[in-house]
Protein backbone atom coordinates (compact mmCIF):
# COMPACT_ATOMS: atom_id res chain seq x y z
CA MET A 1 38.86 89.17 -17.69
CA ILE A 2 37.27 87.17 -14.86
CA ALA A 3 38.55 85.20 -11.89
CA LYS A 4 37.37 81.85 -13.23
CA PRO A 5 37.13 82.00 -17.03
CA ASP A 6 35.44 79.47 -19.28
CA LEU A 7 38.36 77.35 -20.40
CA LYS A 8 36.70 75.38 -23.20
CA GLN A 9 37.66 77.84 -25.92
CA LEU A 10 41.22 78.07 -24.64
CA GLN A 11 41.59 74.29 -24.77
CA LYS A 12 40.54 74.39 -28.42
CA ARG A 13 43.13 77.07 -29.11
CA ILE A 14 45.98 75.14 -27.50
CA ASP A 15 44.73 71.92 -29.12
CA TYR A 16 44.63 69.96 -25.88
CA GLN A 17 41.64 68.85 -23.80
CA PHE A 18 42.37 68.47 -20.09
CA SER A 19 41.05 65.52 -18.13
CA ASP A 20 41.65 67.54 -14.96
CA GLU A 21 40.72 71.11 -15.82
CA SER A 22 41.88 72.33 -12.41
CA LEU A 23 45.46 71.85 -13.62
CA LEU A 24 44.86 74.35 -16.41
CA GLU A 25 43.21 76.74 -13.98
CA THR A 26 46.27 76.57 -11.73
CA ALA A 27 48.54 77.15 -14.74
CA LEU A 28 46.66 80.37 -15.45
CA THR A 29 46.79 81.62 -11.85
CA HIS A 30 49.39 84.31 -11.13
CA ARG A 31 50.99 84.54 -7.70
CA SER A 32 49.28 87.91 -7.16
CA PHE A 33 45.94 86.10 -6.94
CA SER A 34 46.68 83.10 -4.72
CA SER A 35 49.37 81.17 -2.90
CA THR A 36 48.22 78.26 -5.06
CA ASN A 37 49.60 79.56 -8.34
CA ASN A 38 51.45 78.56 -11.50
CA GLU A 39 55.07 78.98 -10.36
CA ARG A 40 55.74 75.28 -9.72
CA LEU A 41 54.09 74.32 -13.02
CA GLU A 42 56.22 76.95 -14.75
CA PHE A 43 59.35 75.35 -13.29
CA LEU A 44 58.27 71.97 -14.65
CA GLY A 45 57.19 73.32 -18.03
CA ASP A 46 60.44 75.19 -18.56
CA SER A 47 62.40 71.92 -18.32
CA LEU A 48 59.97 70.03 -20.54
CA LEU A 49 60.07 72.74 -23.19
CA GLY A 50 63.86 72.84 -23.17
CA VAL A 51 64.36 69.10 -23.57
CA THR A 52 61.63 68.79 -26.23
CA ILE A 53 63.04 71.58 -28.40
CA SER A 54 66.59 70.32 -27.85
CA GLN A 55 65.68 66.82 -29.01
CA GLN A 56 63.80 68.14 -32.03
CA LEU A 57 66.70 70.36 -33.11
CA PHE A 58 69.17 67.50 -32.57
CA GLU A 59 67.14 65.31 -34.93
CA GLN A 60 66.20 68.06 -37.40
CA PHE A 61 69.78 69.28 -37.91
CA PRO A 62 72.07 66.21 -37.65
CA ASP A 63 75.11 68.02 -39.08
CA VAL A 64 74.87 71.28 -37.14
CA LYS A 65 77.34 72.03 -34.34
CA GLU A 66 76.39 72.41 -30.70
CA GLY A 67 76.86 76.18 -30.58
CA ILE A 68 74.43 76.78 -33.42
CA LEU A 69 71.91 74.34 -31.94
CA SER A 70 72.11 76.23 -28.64
CA ARG A 71 71.38 79.53 -30.38
CA GLN A 72 68.48 77.98 -32.26
CA ARG A 73 67.04 76.66 -29.02
CA SER A 74 67.48 80.01 -27.28
CA ARG A 75 65.69 81.72 -30.13
CA LEU A 76 62.71 79.37 -29.80
CA VAL A 77 62.31 79.26 -26.03
CA LYS A 78 63.14 82.88 -25.14
CA GLY A 79 60.49 84.95 -23.42
CA VAL A 80 59.62 87.08 -26.43
CA THR A 81 58.82 83.97 -28.49
CA LEU A 82 56.73 82.42 -25.73
CA ALA A 83 54.86 85.69 -25.21
CA ALA A 84 54.08 85.80 -28.94
CA LEU A 85 52.76 82.25 -28.68
CA ALA A 86 50.64 83.27 -25.69
CA ARG A 87 49.09 86.08 -27.73
CA GLU A 88 48.27 83.62 -30.51
CA PHE A 89 46.28 81.69 -27.89
CA SER A 90 44.78 84.93 -26.47
CA LEU A 91 46.04 83.90 -23.03
CA SER A 92 45.53 87.42 -21.68
CA ASP A 93 41.79 86.75 -21.72
CA TYR A 94 42.18 83.82 -19.34
CA LEU A 95 44.81 84.90 -16.80
CA ILE A 96 43.72 84.82 -13.16
CA MET A 97 45.45 87.70 -11.38
CA GLY A 98 45.15 89.95 -8.36
CA SER A 99 43.44 93.30 -8.87
CA GLY A 100 46.67 95.26 -8.43
CA GLU A 101 48.47 93.25 -11.11
CA LEU A 102 45.50 93.61 -13.43
CA LYS A 103 45.42 97.38 -13.00
CA SER A 104 49.14 97.62 -13.72
CA GLY A 105 48.65 95.80 -17.04
CA GLY A 106 50.23 92.52 -15.97
CA PHE A 107 48.05 90.58 -18.39
CA ARG A 108 49.95 92.24 -21.24
CA ARG A 109 53.45 91.75 -19.81
CA ASP A 110 55.74 89.48 -21.86
CA SER A 111 57.29 87.84 -18.81
CA ILE A 112 53.93 86.86 -17.32
CA LEU A 113 52.62 85.57 -20.65
CA ALA A 114 55.80 83.54 -21.24
CA ASP A 115 55.69 82.08 -17.73
CA THR A 116 52.07 81.06 -18.27
CA VAL A 117 52.92 79.19 -21.47
CA GLU A 118 55.53 77.21 -19.55
CA ALA A 119 53.04 76.56 -16.75
CA ILE A 120 50.49 75.20 -19.23
CA ILE A 121 53.15 72.84 -20.59
CA GLY A 122 53.75 71.60 -17.06
CA ALA A 123 50.02 71.14 -16.55
CA ILE A 124 49.67 69.15 -19.78
CA PHE A 125 52.48 66.84 -18.67
CA LEU A 126 50.80 66.16 -15.31
CA ASP A 127 47.46 65.64 -17.03
CA SER A 128 48.85 63.17 -19.59
CA ASP A 129 52.43 61.93 -20.10
CA ILE A 130 55.74 62.99 -21.61
CA GLN A 131 54.87 61.74 -25.11
CA GLN A 132 51.59 63.66 -25.29
CA CYS A 133 53.17 66.75 -23.79
CA GLN A 134 55.98 66.75 -26.35
CA LYS A 135 53.48 66.21 -29.16
CA VAL A 136 51.58 69.33 -28.11
CA ILE A 137 54.77 71.39 -27.77
CA LEU A 138 55.91 70.41 -31.27
CA GLN A 139 52.48 71.30 -32.67
CA TRP A 140 52.75 74.76 -31.11
CA PHE A 141 56.25 75.31 -32.48
CA HIS A 142 55.77 73.60 -35.85
CA ASP A 143 55.87 76.72 -38.02
CA ARG A 144 58.77 78.24 -36.09
CA LEU A 145 60.76 75.01 -36.31
CA GLN A 146 60.09 74.73 -40.03
CA GLY A 147 61.24 78.31 -40.47
CA LEU A 148 64.68 77.55 -39.06
CA SER A 149 67.70 76.98 -41.24
CA SER A 150 71.07 75.48 -40.42
CA HIS A 151 72.62 78.52 -42.13
CA ASP A 152 70.79 81.43 -40.48
CA GLN A 153 72.11 80.86 -36.96
CA LEU A 154 75.85 81.26 -37.56
CA LYS A 155 75.76 84.78 -36.11
CA ASP A 156 74.32 85.84 -32.79
CA PRO A 157 71.00 87.76 -32.68
CA LYS A 158 72.60 91.17 -31.99
CA THR A 159 74.88 90.84 -35.00
CA ARG A 160 72.07 89.68 -37.29
CA LEU A 161 69.80 92.51 -36.17
CA GLN A 162 72.51 95.12 -36.68
CA GLU A 163 73.39 93.80 -40.14
CA LEU A 164 69.72 93.69 -41.13
CA LEU A 165 69.17 97.32 -40.13
CA GLN A 166 72.40 98.42 -41.79
CA SER A 167 71.39 96.70 -45.03
CA LYS A 168 68.15 98.70 -45.02
CA LYS A 169 69.96 101.92 -44.04
CA LYS A 170 67.96 102.17 -40.81
CA PRO A 171 69.11 103.45 -37.39
CA LEU A 172 70.89 100.86 -35.26
CA PRO A 173 69.18 99.45 -32.16
CA THR A 174 69.75 100.87 -28.71
CA TYR A 175 70.18 98.71 -25.61
CA THR A 176 69.21 100.14 -22.23
CA VAL A 177 69.51 98.42 -18.85
CA ALA A 178 66.03 98.88 -17.36
CA ASN A 179 66.59 97.00 -14.12
CA ILE A 180 69.17 95.04 -12.12
CA GLU A 181 68.00 92.86 -9.26
CA GLY A 182 69.46 90.22 -6.97
CA ALA A 183 72.68 89.87 -4.99
CA SER A 184 75.97 90.67 -6.71
CA HIS A 185 76.76 87.01 -7.37
CA GLU A 186 73.33 86.23 -8.83
CA GLN A 187 72.15 89.40 -10.51
CA ARG A 188 69.40 89.47 -13.12
CA PHE A 189 69.60 92.14 -15.83
CA THR A 190 66.54 93.48 -17.64
CA VAL A 191 67.43 95.15 -20.95
CA ASP A 192 65.25 97.09 -23.39
CA CYS A 193 66.11 96.84 -27.08
CA GLY A 194 64.78 99.86 -28.93
CA ILE A 195 64.38 100.03 -32.70
CA ALA A 196 63.29 103.22 -34.45
CA LEU A 197 60.94 101.24 -36.70
CA LEU A 198 58.99 99.94 -33.70
CA ASP A 199 56.81 101.93 -31.33
CA THR A 200 57.78 99.86 -28.29
CA ALA A 201 60.98 98.32 -26.99
CA VAL A 202 61.50 94.58 -26.65
CA THR A 203 62.47 93.55 -23.12
CA ALA A 204 64.46 90.53 -21.96
CA THR A 205 65.89 89.39 -18.63
CA ALA A 206 68.95 87.19 -18.12
CA GLY A 207 71.85 86.47 -15.80
CA SER A 208 74.17 88.89 -17.59
CA ARG A 209 73.77 92.10 -19.54
CA ARG A 210 75.17 90.45 -22.67
CA GLN A 211 72.71 87.54 -22.48
CA ALA A 212 69.81 89.92 -21.92
CA GLU A 213 70.84 92.01 -24.94
CA GLN A 214 71.10 88.89 -27.12
CA GLN A 215 67.68 87.66 -26.01
CA ALA A 216 66.07 91.05 -26.59
CA ALA A 217 67.58 91.22 -30.08
């Protein structure tokens, strides 16, 4: 992992060639490395991702109610999904981070990987336009979108996970609050979802414990 990686291979992996490669470099730069970092691009990319997936689900499932569409969207844009997408692109090899964050394993952290995916989306938008940006997003999510069904989202993730494990006679998941931060009126809860079949817990952060548990599931 180097401070200024060769970005040609990454652009092939994400299937987008930047006209202004400095935008991609900024999208890969964590705040631990520089005051010029990817946080603003992440803010932009988060909104672009949300509206693109929302529009696609609206068109893909014309007869599905709002609540189910919301759960489908949450499933697609949650941090765990974005981190998985980042690993498909091998983003860890390209992150630009401070030495302390590198030593602590930040390049493997789901939250940092997910934020970087959103930042790249923001960078693509600034480098092109909304149509091209949405085209790239839908290419990235094609298989996940095709794997959705209007019938498999009627229950929330915690319920589906519990029923799946029960059907296989496996131990139920455990949910542990790993961290609470922020003032009382704007707290953020980090929850670990542990499953006996997995070696590591899945972590999610949200504005309430219930939301964090659902996202982790």
